[in-house]
Amino acid sequence: MSETKKDKKFIILRIKFPRIYRFITELPVIKHLKKYQKRLILSGFISVLIFLGIVIVSIDTYRNIQKKRQLEKEKENILNQIQNWKSISEQYKGYRDAYFQLSLLEYQFKDYVKANEYLRKALSFDPNYKEGRELEKILDKNL
């Protein structure tokens, strides 16, 4: 008799607990998942590839923007130096190094014609200027 009371208590307790734990292990759900398993795996794989592609393109774009900003800063710096050396060359008309620096800055700015003009002025003041002659050889290759 005591066993039947224990059985009744066990049955009552079993009824009170929810049966959520059976959802995963039930056979119809597993069959349903197996049916679409290939599609799920394929769509997940494609989603991961698309996400990785977006991340890679974003990183590359960020790096390109950083490079562009740095190049713009360098360009601005070169232009400021050119203005500075122009004012010095106007103030001191026979100053060979001012024209040579202008020539170097124009060369960095890739304006080879102006670089050659400034170099000619620098060499007119000192025809034996060694660095000027070396730059002249380099400029002749680019012209």
Protein backbone atom coordinates (compact mmCIF):
# COMPACT_ATOMS: atom_id res chain seq x y z
CA MET A 1 0.00 0.00 0.00
CA SER A 2 2.73 2.37 0.72
CA GLU A 3 4.04 1.69 -2.76
CA THR A 4 0.86 2.88 -4.37
CA LYS A 5 0.98 6.10 -2.41
CA LYS A 6 4.55 6.64 -3.62
CA ASP A 7 3.47 5.88 -7.18
CA LYS A 8 0.61 8.38 -6.92
CA LYS A 9 2.96 11.03 -5.56
CA PHE A 10 5.40 10.34 -8.37
CA ILE A 11 2.62 10.60 -10.98
CA ILE A 12 1.34 13.84 -9.46
CA LEU A 13 4.86 15.32 -9.43
CA ARG A 14 5.42 14.21 -12.99
CA ILE A 15 2.24 15.91 -14.16
CA LYS A 16 3.23 19.18 -12.46
CA PHE A 17 6.61 19.47 -14.26
CA PRO A 18 6.56 20.76 -17.81
CA ARG A 19 7.71 18.52 -20.61
CA ILE A 20 9.86 21.05 -22.42
CA TYR A 21 12.91 18.82 -22.25
CA ARG A 22 11.28 16.45 -24.75
CA PHE A 23 11.11 19.05 -27.52
CA ILE A 24 14.70 18.52 -28.66
CA THR A 25 14.65 14.78 -28.53
CA GLU A 26 11.31 14.19 -30.21
CA LEU A 27 11.57 12.34 -33.48
CA PRO A 28 9.43 14.61 -35.74
CA VAL A 29 11.58 17.64 -34.98
CA ILE A 30 14.76 15.73 -35.78
CA LYS A 31 13.32 14.54 -39.08
CA HIS A 32 12.28 18.07 -39.93
CA LEU A 33 15.78 19.37 -39.18
CA LYS A 34 17.44 16.63 -41.22
CA LYS A 35 15.27 17.55 -44.17
CA TYR A 36 16.53 21.15 -44.19
CA GLN A 37 19.97 20.52 -42.72
CA LYS A 38 21.85 20.98 -46.00
CA ARG A 39 20.06 24.25 -46.71
CA LEU A 40 20.74 25.54 -43.22
CA ILE A 41 24.43 24.68 -43.39
CA LEU A 42 24.77 26.19 -46.86
CA SER A 43 22.94 29.38 -45.94
CA GLY A 44 25.02 29.71 -42.76
CA PHE A 45 28.24 29.23 -44.72
CA ILE A 46 27.20 31.80 -47.31
CA SER A 47 26.24 34.25 -44.55
CA VAL A 48 29.66 33.85 -42.93
CA LEU A 49 31.40 34.41 -46.29
CA ILE A 50 29.37 37.56 -46.96
CA PHE A 51 30.13 38.86 -43.47
CA LEU A 52 33.86 38.18 -43.89
CA GLY A 53 33.80 39.91 -47.28
CA ILE A 54 32.18 42.99 -45.75
CA VAL A 55 34.75 43.06 -42.93
CA ILE A 56 37.69 42.73 -45.35
CA VAL A 57 36.37 45.46 -47.64
CA SER A 58 35.75 47.73 -44.65
CA ILE A 59 39.30 47.25 -43.36
CA ASP A 60 40.75 47.90 -46.81
CA THR A 61 38.64 51.05 -47.21
CA TYR A 62 39.75 52.31 -43.80
CA ARG A 63 43.42 51.78 -44.69
CA ASN A 64 42.97 53.57 -48.02
CA ILE A 65 41.35 56.53 -46.30
CA GLN A 66 44.22 56.70 -43.81
CA LYS A 67 46.78 56.62 -46.66
CA LYS A 68 44.89 59.36 -48.49
CA ARG A 69 44.87 61.57 -45.39
CA GLN A 70 48.61 61.04 -44.90
CA LEU A 71 49.33 61.88 -48.55
CA GLU A 72 47.23 65.03 -48.28
CA LYS A 73 49.20 66.08 -45.17
CA GLU A 74 52.49 65.47 -46.98
CA LYS A 75 51.27 67.45 -49.99
CA GLU A 76 50.24 70.34 -47.75
CA ASN A 77 53.61 70.21 -45.98
CA ILE A 78 55.48 70.33 -49.31
CA LEU A 79 53.36 73.26 -50.50
CA ASN A 80 54.06 75.16 -47.27
CA GLN A 81 57.78 74.52 -47.65
CA ILE A 82 57.66 75.70 -51.27
CA GLN A 83 56.00 78.95 -50.20
CA ASN A 84 58.59 79.40 -47.46
CA TRP A 85 61.54 78.86 -49.80
CA LYS A 86 59.99 81.13 -52.45
CA SER A 87 59.81 83.94 -49.94
CA ILE A 88 63.44 83.29 -48.95
CA SER A 89 64.56 83.24 -52.60
CA GLU A 90 62.76 86.55 -53.24
CA GLN A 91 64.35 88.08 -50.16
CA TYR A 92 67.87 86.82 -50.98
CA LYS A 93 68.16 86.85 -54.78
CA GLY A 94 71.53 85.11 -55.10
CA TYR A 95 70.94 82.39 -52.51
CA ARG A 96 71.80 79.14 -54.28
CA ASP A 97 70.46 76.82 -51.58
CA ALA A 98 66.99 78.40 -51.70
CA TYR A 99 66.68 77.58 -55.40
CA PHE A 100 68.09 74.11 -54.84
CA GLN A 101 65.57 73.43 -52.06
CA LEU A 102 62.78 74.70 -54.32
CA SER A 103 64.03 72.34 -56.99
CA LEU A 104 64.00 69.39 -54.58
CA LEU A 105 60.51 70.24 -53.33
CA GLU A 106 59.13 70.57 -56.85
CA TYR A 107 60.74 67.23 -57.66
CA GLN A 108 58.97 65.66 -54.67
CA PHE A 109 55.76 67.30 -55.88
CA LYS A 110 56.49 65.66 -59.27
CA ASP A 111 56.59 68.97 -61.15
CA TYR A 112 59.77 68.23 -63.07
CA VAL A 113 59.64 71.32 -65.32
CA LYS A 114 59.63 73.75 -62.38
CA ALA A 115 62.23 71.63 -60.60
CA ASN A 116 64.47 71.94 -63.64
CA GLU A 117 63.94 75.73 -63.76
CA TYR A 118 64.89 76.20 -60.12
CA LEU A 119 67.87 73.90 -60.54
CA ARG A 120 69.10 75.95 -63.52
CA LYS A 121 68.92 79.09 -61.37
CA ALA A 122 70.83 77.37 -58.56
CA LEU A 123 73.50 76.14 -61.00
CA SER A 124 73.77 79.60 -62.53
CA PHE A 125 74.99 80.87 -59.16
CA ASP A 126 77.36 77.93 -58.60
CA PRO A 127 78.06 75.76 -61.68
CA ASN A 128 80.26 73.37 -59.65
CA TYR A 129 77.54 72.56 -57.12
CA LYS A 130 77.91 68.77 -56.69
CA GLU A 131 74.39 68.02 -55.33
CA GLY A 132 72.91 70.21 -58.06
CA ARG A 133 74.68 68.21 -60.76
CA GLU A 134 73.43 64.94 -59.24
CA LEU A 135 69.85 66.26 -59.22
CA GLU A 136 70.34 67.42 -62.79
CA LYS A 137 71.13 63.85 -63.87
CA ILE A 138 68.01 62.57 -62.09
CA LEU A 139 65.82 65.29 -63.63
CA ASP A 140 67.18 64.57 -67.12
CA LYS A 141 65.96 60.98 -66.77
CA ASN A 142 62.45 62.16 -65.83
CA LEU A 143 62.12 64.82 -68.53
